[in-house]
């Protein structure tokens, strides 16, 4: 299947063919070319990390497209999408054998997210309590995007653990901070609506209070 905008879909070139030709059927054997990592099994953790980041980016896109979020939040998410493409490009090129112009996730990327987190914490107000996913449409999609980012982070850390010499750990750190930002933005999206907070055991509490459950 072709993936629109995926760096791995770039046509092969005479300088090493770091992309793969789109719709050439090369992936029908269960293998793919991941940039400078060369040909890998599609289930290789480095391929999975790249693709989970692609899925996270798509989830952010859905939140922006139909979440009716404030312009300021959408502008922030556009920059996040660009960062996620930087992150995907980073994962394509191994640290130990990358071209000089390789795109990397740097501490500055993470620091920018941390500033955004602190900015939106003030707008969200009270972040105490365990909020259930949902509320407004925007909050629901931001919670969903956060879940996708957390999945991408787990796979990225696994890639770092298995290939520390070639996978940039700042990619996983970025995803960790991004999941926090998306949580805070979810709470921001519910400022006027109000969060629905978790109540432990709420569905069975009346039965417990009436003594209708067994010990």
Protein backbone atom coordinates (compact mmCIF):
# COMPACT_ATOMS: atom_id res chain seq x y z
CA UNK A 1 0.00 0.00 0.00
CA UNK A 2 1.31 3.44 -0.85
CA UNK A 3 1.73 5.89 2.01
CA UNK A 4 1.27 9.52 1.04
CA UNK A 5 4.16 11.65 2.24
CA UNK A 6 6.14 8.79 3.79
CA UNK A 7 9.90 9.40 3.25
CA UNK A 8 10.29 5.66 2.59
CA UNK A 9 8.13 6.04 -0.50
CA UNK A 10 10.63 8.29 -2.25
CA UNK A 11 11.91 6.80 -5.53
CA UNK A 12 15.24 5.03 -5.38
CA UNK A 13 18.22 7.11 -6.44
CA UNK A 14 21.75 6.46 -7.66
CA UNK A 15 23.24 7.65 -4.34
CA UNK A 16 22.29 4.55 -2.41
CA UNK A 17 18.56 4.26 -2.90
CA UNK A 18 17.59 5.22 0.65
CA UNK A 19 13.90 5.26 -0.22
CA UNK A 20 11.85 2.54 -1.88
CA UNK A 21 10.04 2.93 -5.15
CA UNK A 22 6.34 3.49 -4.59
CA UNK A 23 3.99 0.70 -5.71
CA UNK A 24 6.81 -1.46 -7.07
CA UNK A 25 5.71 -4.54 -5.13
CA UNK A 26 9.05 -4.73 -3.35
CA UNK A 27 7.35 -5.14 0.02
CA UNK A 28 5.45 -8.24 -1.02
CA UNK A 29 8.19 -10.43 0.49
CA UNK A 30 7.69 -8.98 3.98
CA UNK A 31 10.79 -6.80 3.78
CA UNK A 32 11.28 -3.08 3.25
CA UNK A 33 14.07 -0.53 2.95
CA UNK A 34 14.34 1.76 5.99
CA UNK A 35 16.60 4.56 4.82
CA UNK A 36 20.21 4.08 5.81
CA UNK A 37 19.36 0.99 7.85
CA UNK A 38 18.97 -0.83 4.57
CA UNK A 39 16.65 -3.73 3.93
CA UNK A 40 14.87 -4.99 7.03
CA UNK A 41 11.99 -7.28 7.89
CA UNK A 42 8.77 -5.31 8.16
CA UNK A 43 8.39 -6.54 11.74
CA UNK A 44 11.82 -5.16 12.71
CA UNK A 45 11.41 -2.86 15.71
CA UNK A 46 13.02 0.04 13.83
CA UNK A 47 10.41 -0.24 11.08
CA UNK A 48 7.68 -0.52 13.71
CA UNK A 49 8.92 2.61 15.51
CA UNK A 50 8.82 4.58 12.26
CA UNK A 51 5.34 3.36 11.39
CA UNK A 52 3.91 3.94 14.89
CA UNK A 53 5.10 7.55 14.65
CA UNK A 54 3.30 7.80 11.31
CA UNK A 55 0.14 6.51 12.99
CA UNK A 56 0.54 9.03 15.82
CA UNK A 57 0.88 11.85 13.30
CA UNK A 58 -2.30 10.72 11.57
CA UNK A 59 -4.14 10.71 14.91
CA UNK A 60 -3.03 14.29 15.55
CA UNK A 61 -4.30 15.18 12.06
CA UNK A 62 -7.76 13.81 12.88
CA UNK A 63 -7.91 15.85 16.09
CA UNK A 64 -7.06 18.97 14.11
CA UNK A 65 -9.45 18.25 11.25
CA UNK A 66 -12.64 17.61 13.20
CA UNK A 67 -11.90 18.51 16.81
CA UNK A 68 -12.97 22.16 16.50
CA UNK A 69 -9.91 23.16 18.53
CA UNK A 70 -8.83 26.77 19.11
CA UNK A 71 -6.59 28.28 16.43
CA UNK A 72 -3.72 28.54 18.91
CA UNK A 73 -3.91 24.83 19.67
CA UNK A 74 -4.14 23.90 16.00
CA UNK A 75 -1.07 26.03 15.27
CA UNK A 76 0.81 24.15 17.99
CA UNK A 77 -0.30 20.82 16.57
CA UNK A 78 0.86 21.80 13.07
CA UNK A 79 4.33 22.32 14.49
CA UNK A 80 4.04 18.96 16.28
CA UNK A 81 3.19 17.28 12.98
CA UNK A 82 6.31 18.81 11.44
CA UNK A 83 8.35 17.56 14.40
CA UNK A 84 6.92 14.07 13.91
CA UNK A 85 8.10 14.14 10.29
CA UNK A 86 11.54 15.23 11.61
CA UNK A 87 11.33 12.28 13.98
CA UNK A 88 10.45 9.90 11.17
CA UNK A 89 13.38 11.20 9.13
CA UNK A 90 15.65 10.70 12.16
CA UNK A 91 14.55 7.08 12.50
CA UNK A 92 15.42 6.49 8.84
CA UNK A 93 19.11 7.25 9.33
CA UNK A 94 21.31 5.31 11.81
CA UNK A 95 23.41 7.39 14.18
CA UNK A 96 26.56 5.47 13.34
CA UNK A 97 26.33 5.80 9.55
CA UNK A 98 24.28 8.86 8.66
CA UNK A 99 24.85 11.56 6.06
CA UNK A 100 26.03 14.91 7.40
CA UNK A 101 22.69 16.57 6.64
CA UNK A 102 20.56 13.95 8.45
CA UNK A 103 17.60 15.42 10.34
CA UNK A 104 17.78 14.75 14.08
CA UNK A 105 15.48 15.24 17.05
CA UNK A 106 17.48 17.44 19.40
CA UNK A 107 17.11 18.62 23.01
CA UNK A 108 15.65 21.84 21.61
CA UNK A 109 12.66 19.93 20.23
CA UNK A 110 11.92 18.56 23.71
CA UNK A 111 12.49 21.89 25.45
CA UNK A 112 9.94 23.53 23.16
CA UNK A 113 7.36 20.93 24.16
CA UNK A 114 8.14 21.51 27.83
CA UNK A 115 7.50 25.25 27.41
CA UNK A 116 4.20 24.48 25.68
CA UNK A 117 3.20 22.08 28.47
CA UNK A 118 3.77 24.77 31.10
CA UNK A 119 1.86 27.34 29.02
CA UNK A 120 -1.19 25.13 28.60
CA UNK A 121 -1.11 23.92 32.22
CA UNK A 122 -2.02 27.47 33.22
CA UNK A 123 -4.97 27.51 30.79
CA UNK A 124 -6.17 24.05 31.85
CA UNK A 125 -6.19 25.04 35.50
CA UNK A 126 -6.70 22.23 37.99
CA UNK A 127 -5.19 19.02 36.60
CA UNK A 128 -5.84 16.96 39.71
CA UNK A 129 -8.09 13.94 39.56
CA UNK A 130 -8.20 11.16 37.00
CA UNK A 131 -10.18 12.40 34.00
CA UNK A 132 -11.98 9.93 31.80
CA UNK A 133 -11.16 10.25 28.08
CA UNK A 134 -13.80 12.32 26.35
CA UNK A 135 -15.89 15.37 27.03
CA UNK A 136 -15.78 17.53 23.94
CA UNK A 137 -15.09 16.11 20.49
CA UNK A 138 -11.71 17.84 20.47
CA UNK A 139 -10.74 16.38 23.84
CA UNK A 140 -11.81 12.88 22.76
CA UNK A 141 -9.61 12.98 19.66
CA UNK A 142 -6.69 14.47 21.60
CA UNK A 143 -6.94 11.61 24.11
CA UNK A 144 -6.93 9.18 21.18
CA UNK A 145 -3.87 10.90 19.70
CA UNK A 146 -2.17 10.67 23.08
CA UNK A 147 -2.77 6.91 23.16
CA UNK A 148 -1.19 6.60 19.70
CA UNK A 149 1.81 8.65 20.81
CA UNK A 150 2.29 6.51 23.91
CA UNK A 151 2.31 3.39 21.73
CA UNK A 152 4.88 5.02 19.45
CA UNK A 153 6.99 5.92 22.47
CA UNK A 154 7.03 2.34 23.78
CA UNK A 155 8.20 1.01 20.43
CA UNK A 156 10.78 3.80 20.07
CA UNK A 157 12.28 2.92 23.47
CA UNK A 158 12.40 -0.72 22.42
CA UNK A 159 14.26 0.31 19.25
CA UNK A 160 16.70 2.36 21.35
CA UNK A 161 17.24 -0.58 23.70
CA UNK A 162 17.90 -3.06 20.89
CA UNK A 163 19.89 -0.72 18.65
CA UNK A 164 21.50 1.91 20.92
CA UNK A 165 24.29 2.53 18.45
CA UNK A 166 21.95 3.52 15.64
CA UNK A 167 18.66 4.85 17.10
CA UNK A 168 18.54 8.33 18.61
CA UNK A 169 17.11 8.20 22.14
CA UNK A 170 15.84 11.79 21.80
CA UNK A 171 13.14 10.43 19.50
CA UNK A 172 11.65 8.46 22.41
CA UNK A 173 12.11 11.37 24.81
CA UNK A 174 10.25 13.66 22.44
CA UNK A 175 7.33 11.23 22.25
CA UNK A 176 7.24 11.02 26.04
CA UNK A 177 6.85 14.81 26.35
CA UNK A 178 4.38 14.90 23.49
CA UNK A 179 2.06 12.47 25.28
CA UNK A 180 2.09 14.85 28.27
CA UNK A 181 1.32 17.83 26.05
CA UNK A 182 -1.61 16.04 24.43
CA UNK A 183 -2.99 15.16 27.87
CA UNK A 184 -2.80 18.80 28.95
CA UNK A 185 -4.38 19.93 25.67
CA UNK A 186 -7.20 17.43 26.24
CA UNK A 187 -7.91 19.08 29.57
CA UNK A 188 -7.74 22.50 27.89
CA UNK A 189 -10.34 21.36 25.36
CA UNK A 190 -12.66 20.55 28.26
CA UNK A 191 -12.19 23.77 30.23
CA UNK A 192 -15.66 25.08 29.40
CA UNK A 193 -17.35 21.68 29.18
CA UNK A 194 -15.78 20.24 32.34
CA UNK A 195 -13.96 16.92 32.72
CA UNK A 196 -15.67 13.72 33.76
CA UNK A 197 -13.55 12.38 36.61
CA UNK A 198 -12.96 8.74 37.41
CA UNK A 199 -14.81 7.37 40.43
CA UNK A 200 -13.26 4.10 41.50
CA UNK A 201 -15.82 1.30 41.62
CA UNK A 202 -18.68 3.68 40.82
CA UNK A 203 -20.71 1.11 38.87
CA UNK A 204 -20.91 -1.33 41.79
CA UNK A 205 -20.83 1.06 44.74
CA UNK A 206 -24.63 1.06 45.30
CA UNK A 207 -24.51 -2.75 45.55
CA UNK A 208 -21.60 -2.56 47.99
CA UNK A 209 -23.39 0.05 50.11
CA UNK A 210 -26.54 -2.10 50.22
CA UNK A 211 -24.57 -5.19 51.18
CA UNK A 212 -25.61 -7.02 48.01
CA UNK A 213 -22.14 -8.20 47.00
CA UNK A 214 -20.16 -11.11 48.36
CA UNK A 215 -16.93 -10.44 50.20
